Amino acid sequence: MLEPWIIEEIKRREEEKRRQQEEQPRIDIPEIDPEQQKRWEEEEERRRKQEDKDKPDRGVTIIET
């Protein structure tokens, strides 16, 4: 069994930690408009396709001896 002063110290530290977490500022992130999200996804897809076109074809050549 722990000494009573140790138990009290643990409780005090836990309470202090809880208080610090409550005091920290929070930022609310606004919701993204579904239409805007769709436009972003379409633009990202177009960008990926363009990057794929710009990359040279790569392959493997097997030489048997």
PDB file of N, CA and C in Angstrom:
ATOM      1  N   MET A   1       0.836  -1.178   0.000  1.00  0.00           N
ATOM      2  CA  MET A   1       0.000   0.000   0.000  1.00  0.00           C
ATOM      3  C   MET A   1       0.885   1.248   0.000  1.00  0.00           C
ATOM      4  N   LEU A   2       0.465   2.226  -0.743  1.00  0.00           N
ATOM      5  CA  LEU A   2       1.234   3.465  -0.815  1.00  0.00           C
ATOM      6  C   LEU A   2       0.963   4.338   0.402  1.00  0.00           C
ATOM      7  N   GLU A   3       1.958   5.123   0.709  1.00  0.00           N
ATOM      8  CA  GLU A   3       1.809   6.071   1.810  1.00  0.00           C
ATOM      9  C   GLU A   3       0.753   7.117   1.442  1.00  0.00           C
ATOM     10  N   PRO A   4       0.004   7.615   2.411  1.00  0.00           N
ATOM     11  CA  PRO A   4      -1.036   8.614   2.120  1.00  0.00           C
ATOM     12  C   PRO A   4      -0.501   9.872   1.430  1.00  0.00           C
ATOM     13  N   TRP A   5       0.693  10.310   1.785  1.00  0.00           N
ATOM     14  CA  TRP A   5       1.235  11.519   1.154  1.00  0.00           C
ATOM     15  C   TRP A   5       1.549  11.276  -0.322  1.00  0.00           C
ATOM     16  N   ILE A   6       1.919  10.047  -0.679  1.00  0.00           N
ATOM     17  CA  ILE A   6       2.185   9.718  -2.085  1.00  0.00           C
ATOM     18  C   ILE A   6       0.874   9.739  -2.871  1.00  0.00           C
ATOM     19  N   ILE A   7      -0.165   9.185  -2.309  1.00  0.00           N
ATOM     20  CA  ILE A   7      -1.478   9.179  -2.959  1.00  0.00           C
ATOM     21  C   ILE A   7      -1.959  10.611  -3.175  1.00  0.00           C
ATOM     22  N   GLU A   8      -1.783  11.458  -2.172  1.00  0.00           N
ATOM     23  CA  GLU A   8      -2.194  12.858  -2.299  1.00  0.00           C
ATOM     24  C   GLU A   8      -1.389  13.583  -3.372  1.00  0.00           C
ATOM     25  N   GLU A   9      -0.112  13.284  -3.465  1.00  0.00           N
ATOM     26  CA  GLU A   9       0.738  13.913  -4.484  1.00  0.00           C
ATOM     27  C   GLU A   9       0.302  13.481  -5.884  1.00  0.00           C
ATOM     28  N   ILE A  10      -0.013  12.225  -6.046  1.00  0.00           N
ATOM     29  CA  ILE A  10      -0.493  11.724  -7.339  1.00  0.00           C
ATOM     30  C   ILE A  10      -1.796  12.418  -7.707  1.00  0.00           C
ATOM     31  N   LYS A  11      -2.716  12.529  -6.785  1.00  0.00           N
ATOM     32  CA  LYS A  11      -3.994  13.207  -7.039  1.00  0.00           C
ATOM     33  C   LYS A  11      -3.773  14.668  -7.405  1.00  0.00           C
ATOM     34  N   ARG A  12      -2.865  15.322  -6.689  1.00  0.00           N
ATOM     35  CA  ARG A  12      -2.575  16.727  -6.956  1.00  0.00           C
ATOM     36  C   ARG A  12      -2.020  16.913  -8.367  1.00  0.00           C
ATOM     37  N   ARG A  13      -1.095  16.047  -8.764  1.00  0.00           N
ATOM     38  CA  ARG A  13      -0.504  16.146 -10.101  1.00  0.00           C
ATOM     39  C   ARG A  13      -1.538  15.875 -11.196  1.00  0.00           C
ATOM     40  N   GLU A  14      -2.388  14.883 -10.974  1.00  0.00           N
ATOM     41  CA  GLU A  14      -3.431  14.591 -11.954  1.00  0.00           C
ATOM     42  C   GLU A  14      -4.391  15.758 -12.107  1.00  0.00           C
ATOM     43  N   GLU A  15      -4.757  16.374 -11.008  1.00  0.00           N
ATOM     44  CA  GLU A  15      -5.655  17.527 -11.051  1.00  0.00           C
ATOM     45  C   GLU A  15      -4.991  18.707 -11.758  1.00  0.00           C
ATOM     46  N   GLU A  16      -3.727  18.918 -11.492  1.00  0.00           N
ATOM     47  CA  GLU A  16      -2.987  19.999 -12.149  1.00  0.00           C
ATOM     48  C   GLU A  16      -2.914  19.759 -13.655  1.00  0.00           C
ATOM     49  N   LYS A  17      -2.661  18.526 -14.038  1.00  0.00           N
ATOM     50  CA  LYS A  17      -2.595  18.177 -15.462  1.00  0.00           C
ATOM     51  C   LYS A  17      -3.951  18.401 -16.130  1.00  0.00           C
ATOM     52  N   ARG A  18      -5.032  18.003 -15.462  1.00  0.00           N
ATOM     53  CA  ARG A  18      -6.384  18.216 -15.989  1.00  0.00           C
ATOM     54  C   ARG A  18      -6.671  19.702 -16.169  1.00  0.00           C
ATOM     55  N   ARG A  19      -6.282  20.506 -15.194  1.00  0.00           N
ATOM     56  CA  ARG A  19      -6.501  21.944 -15.261  1.00  0.00           C
ATOM     57  C   ARG A  19      -5.740  22.568 -16.424  1.00  0.00           C
ATOM     58  N   GLN A  20      -4.510  22.140 -16.643  1.00  0.00           N
ATOM     59  CA  GLN A  20      -3.702  22.666 -17.743  1.00  0.00           C
ATOM     60  C   GLN A  20      -4.326  22.331 -19.092  1.00  0.00           C
ATOM     61  N   GLN A  21      -4.854  21.135 -19.222  1.00  0.00           N
ATOM     62  CA  GLN A  21      -5.486  20.735 -20.477  1.00  0.00           C
ATOM     63  C   GLN A  21      -6.730  21.567 -20.745  1.00  0.00           C
ATOM     64  N   GLU A  22      -7.476  21.891 -19.715  1.00  0.00           N
ATOM     65  CA  GLU A  22      -8.686  22.692 -19.885  1.00  0.00           C
ATOM     66  C   GLU A  22      -8.351  24.123 -20.267  1.00  0.00           C
ATOM     67  N   GLU A  23      -7.205  24.626 -19.808  1.00  0.00           N
ATOM     68  CA  GLU A  23      -6.825  26.004 -20.061  1.00  0.00           C
ATOM     69  C   GLU A  23      -6.255  26.211 -21.460  1.00  0.00           C
ATOM     70  N   GLN A  24      -5.810  25.158 -22.110  1.00  0.00           N
ATOM     71  CA  GLN A  24      -5.219  25.306 -23.431  1.00  0.00           C
ATOM     72  C   GLN A  24      -6.267  25.783 -24.422  1.00  0.00           C
ATOM     73  N   PRO A  25      -5.904  26.766 -25.251  1.00  0.00           N
ATOM     74  CA  PRO A  25      -6.862  27.257 -26.247  1.00  0.00           C
ATOM     75  C   PRO A  25      -7.132  26.202 -27.308  1.00  0.00           C
ATOM     76  N   ARG A  26      -8.330  26.247 -27.834  1.00  0.00           N
ATOM     77  CA  ARG A  26      -8.718  25.303 -28.889  1.00  0.00           C
ATOM     78  C   ARG A  26      -9.151  26.089 -30.106  1.00  0.00           C
ATOM     79  N   ILE A  27      -8.879  25.523 -31.244  1.00  0.00           N
ATOM     80  CA  ILE A  27      -9.263  26.152 -32.502  1.00  0.00           C
ATOM     81  C   ILE A  27     -10.318  25.280 -33.156  1.00  0.00           C
ATOM     82  N   ASP A  28     -11.437  25.900 -33.509  1.00  0.00           N
ATOM     83  CA  ASP A  28     -12.474  25.171 -34.223  1.00  0.00           C
ATOM     84  C   ASP A  28     -12.149  25.217 -35.712  1.00  0.00           C
ATOM     85  N   ILE A  29     -12.118  24.060 -36.317  1.00  0.00           N
ATOM     86  CA  ILE A  29     -11.841  23.972 -37.744  1.00  0.00           C
ATOM     87  C   ILE A  29     -13.170  24.023 -38.478  1.00  0.00           C
ATOM     88  N   PRO A  30     -13.314  24.975 -39.391  1.00  0.00           N
ATOM     89  CA  PRO A  30     -14.592  25.073 -40.103  1.00  0.00           C
ATOM     90  C   PRO A  30     -14.806  23.871 -41.025  1.00  0.00           C
ATOM     91  N   GLU A  31     -16.049  23.544 -41.226  1.00  0.00           N
ATOM     92  CA  GLU A  31     -16.367  22.443 -42.131  1.00  0.00           C
ATOM     93  C   GLU A  31     -16.116  22.881 -43.570  1.00  0.00           C
ATOM     94  N   ILE A  32     -15.709  21.937 -44.384  1.00  0.00           N
ATOM     95  CA  ILE A  32     -15.441  22.224 -45.789  1.00  0.00           C
ATOM     96  C   ILE A  32     -16.732  22.029 -46.570  1.00  0.00           C
ATOM     97  N   ASP A  33     -16.995  22.991 -47.420  1.00  0.00           N
ATOM     98  CA  ASP A  33     -18.154  22.914 -48.292  1.00  0.00           C
ATOM     99  C   ASP A  33     -17.996  21.698 -49.213  1.00  0.00           C
ATOM    100  N   PRO A  34     -19.004  20.827 -49.326  1.00  0.00           N
ATOM    101  CA  PRO A  34     -18.873  19.631 -50.171  1.00  0.00           C
ATOM    102  C   PRO A  34     -18.536  19.958 -51.630  1.00  0.00           C
ATOM    103  N   GLU A  35     -19.084  21.054 -52.145  1.00  0.00           N
ATOM    104  CA  GLU A  35     -18.767  21.438 -53.536  1.00  0.00           C
ATOM    105  C   GLU A  35     -17.302  21.825 -53.670  1.00  0.00           C
ATOM    106  N   GLN A  36     -16.801  22.569 -52.686  1.00  0.00           N
ATOM    107  CA  GLN A  36     -15.397  22.964 -52.716  1.00  0.00           C
ATOM    108  C   GLN A  36     -14.502  21.736 -52.607  1.00  0.00           C
ATOM    109  N   GLN A  37     -14.872  20.798 -51.745  1.00  0.00           N
ATOM    110  CA  GLN A  37     -14.103  19.566 -51.594  1.00  0.00           C
ATOM    111  C   GLN A  37     -14.050  18.804 -52.911  1.00  0.00           C
ATOM    112  N   LYS A  38     -15.173  18.729 -53.601  1.00  0.00           N
ATOM    113  CA  LYS A  38     -15.235  18.027 -54.885  1.00  0.00           C
ATOM    114  C   LYS A  38     -14.322  18.702 -55.906  1.00  0.00           C
ATOM    115  N   ARG A  39     -14.340  20.042 -55.948  1.00  0.00           N
ATOM    116  CA  ARG A  39     -13.467  20.759 -56.891  1.00  0.00           C
ATOM    117  C   ARG A  39     -12.000  20.504 -56.574  1.00  0.00           C
ATOM    118  N   TRP A  40     -11.645  20.498 -55.280  1.00  0.00           N
ATOM    119  CA  TRP A  40     -10.259  20.224 -54.898  1.00  0.00           C
ATOM    120  C   TRP A  40      -9.833  18.827 -55.324  1.00  0.00           C
ATOM    121  N   GLU A  41     -10.721  17.848 -55.122  1.00  0.00           N
ATOM    122  CA  GLU A  41     -10.395  16.477 -55.501  1.00  0.00           C
ATOM    123  C   GLU A  41     -10.238  16.343 -57.016  1.00  0.00           C
ATOM    124  N   GLU A  42     -11.102  17.009 -57.781  1.00  0.00           N
ATOM    125  CA  GLU A  42     -10.987  16.952 -59.237  1.00  0.00           C
ATOM    126  C   GLU A  42      -9.695  17.603 -59.710  1.00  0.00           C
ATOM    127  N   GLU A  43      -9.343  18.735 -59.107  1.00  0.00           N
ATOM    128  CA  GLU A  43      -8.100  19.412 -59.474  1.00  0.00           C
ATOM    129  C   GLU A  43      -6.888  18.539 -59.121  1.00  0.00           C
ATOM    130  N   GLU A  44      -6.925  17.893 -57.990  1.00  0.00           N
ATOM    131  CA  GLU A  44      -5.839  17.009 -57.584  1.00  0.00           C
ATOM    132  C   GLU A  44      -5.713  15.836 -58.559  1.00  0.00           C
ATOM    133  N   GLU A  45      -6.835  15.283 -58.993  1.00  0.00           N
ATOM    134  CA  GLU A  45      -6.819  14.181 -59.956  1.00  0.00           C
ATOM    135  C   GLU A  45      -6.233  14.644 -61.294  1.00  0.00           C
ATOM    136  N   ARG A  46      -6.632  15.832 -61.754  1.00  0.00           N
ATOM    137  CA  ARG A  46      -6.070  16.363 -63.008  1.00  0.00           C
ATOM    138  C   ARG A  46      -4.566  16.572 -62.887  1.00  0.00           C
ATOM    139  N   ARG A  47      -4.115  17.080 -61.730  1.00  0.00           N
ATOM    140  CA  ARG A  47      -2.696  17.315 -61.516  1.00  0.00           C
ATOM    141  C   ARG A  47      -1.921  15.989 -61.523  1.00  0.00           C
ATOM    142  N   ARG A  48      -2.473  14.959 -60.876  1.00  0.00           N
ATOM    143  CA  ARG A  48      -1.809  13.654 -60.862  1.00  0.00           C
ATOM    144  C   ARG A  48      -1.700  13.064 -62.272  1.00  0.00           C
ATOM    145  N   LYS A  49      -2.782  13.181 -63.041  1.00  0.00           N
ATOM    146  CA  LYS A  49      -2.756  12.648 -64.405  1.00  0.00           C
ATOM    147  C   LYS A  49      -1.713  13.371 -65.244  1.00  0.00           C
ATOM    148  N   GLN A  50      -1.603  14.691 -65.086  1.00  0.00           N
ATOM    149  CA  GLN A  50      -0.619  15.463 -65.846  1.00  0.00           C
ATOM    150  C   GLN A  50       0.792  15.057 -65.434  1.00  0.00           C
ATOM    151  N   GLU A  51       1.015  14.850 -64.150  1.00  0.00           N
ATOM    152  CA  GLU A  51       2.337  14.416 -63.693  1.00  0.00           C
ATOM    153  C   GLU A  51       2.677  13.042 -64.258  1.00  0.00           C
ATOM    154  N   ASP A  52       1.676  12.145 -64.327  1.00  0.00           N
ATOM    155  CA  ASP A  52       1.915  10.813 -64.882  1.00  0.00           C
ATOM    156  C   ASP A  52       2.284  10.899 -66.358  1.00  0.00           C
ATOM    157  N   LYS A  53       1.660  11.823 -67.088  1.00  0.00           N
ATOM    158  CA  LYS A  53       1.981  11.986 -68.506  1.00  0.00           C
ATOM    159  C   LYS A  53       3.407  12.508 -68.685  1.00  0.00           C
ATOM    160  N   ASP A  54       3.841  13.364 -67.780  1.00  0.00           N
ATOM    161  CA  ASP A  54       5.161  13.973 -67.892  1.00  0.00           C
ATOM    162  C   ASP A  54       6.290  13.015 -67.526  1.00  0.00           C
ATOM    163  N   LYS A  55       6.002  11.962 -66.798  1.00  0.00           N
ATOM    164  CA  LYS A  55       7.035  11.014 -66.398  1.00  0.00           C
ATOM    165  C   LYS A  55       7.387  10.106 -67.575  1.00  0.00           C
ATOM    166  N   PRO A  56       8.672   9.821 -67.752  1.00  0.00           N
ATOM    167  CA  PRO A  56       9.060   8.892 -68.826  1.00  0.00           C
ATOM    168  C   PRO A  56       8.655   7.466 -68.458  1.00  0.00           C
ATOM    169  N   ASP A  57       8.391   6.657 -69.480  1.00  0.00           N
ATOM    170  CA  ASP A  57       8.057   5.250 -69.240  1.00  0.00           C
ATOM    171  C   ASP A  57       9.301   4.533 -68.722  1.00  0.00           C
ATOM    172  N   ARG A  58       9.056   3.659 -67.787  1.00  0.00           N
ATOM    173  CA  ARG A  58      10.152   2.884 -67.225  1.00  0.00           C
ATOM    174  C   ARG A  58       9.848   1.417 -67.426  1.00  0.00           C
ATOM    175  N   GLY A  59      10.870   0.625 -67.549  1.00  0.00           N
ATOM    176  CA  GLY A  59      10.653  -0.792 -67.736  1.00  0.00           C
ATOM    177  C   GLY A  59      11.854  -1.609 -67.296  1.00  0.00           C
ATOM    178  N   VAL A  60      11.727  -2.899 -67.516  1.00  0.00           N
ATOM    179  CA  VAL A  60      12.780  -3.829 -67.150  1.00  0.00           C
ATOM    180  C   VAL A  60      13.157  -4.624 -68.382  1.00  0.00           C
ATOM    181  N   THR A  61      14.437  -4.782 -68.608  1.00  0.00           N
ATOM    182  CA  THR A  61      14.915  -5.596 -69.726  1.00  0.00           C
ATOM    183  C   THR A  61      15.634  -6.812 -69.146  1.00  0.00           C
ATOM    184  N   ILE A  62      15.231  -7.983 -69.609  1.00  0.00           N
ATOM    185  CA  ILE A  62      15.853  -9.217 -69.127  1.00  0.00           C
ATOM    186  C   ILE A  62      16.752  -9.743 -70.235  1.00  0.00           C
ATOM    187  N   ILE A  63      17.996  -9.953 -69.913  1.00  0.00           N
ATOM    188  CA  ILE A  63      18.963 -10.465 -70.891  1.00  0.00           C
ATOM    189  C   ILE A  63      19.400 -11.851 -70.437  1.00  0.00           C
ATOM    190  N   GLU A  64      19.086 -12.850 -71.258  1.00  0.00           N
ATOM    191  CA  GLU A  64      19.490 -14.202 -70.919  1.00  0.00           C
ATOM    192  C   GLU A  64      20.838 -14.493 -71.529  1.00  0.00           C
ATOM    193  N   THR A  65      21.654 -15.210 -70.789  1.00  0.00           N
ATOM    194  CA  THR A  65      22.978 -15.547 -71.331  1.00  0.00           C
ATOM    195  C   THR A  65      23.141 -17.017 -71.526  1.00  0.00           C
TER     196      THR A  65
END
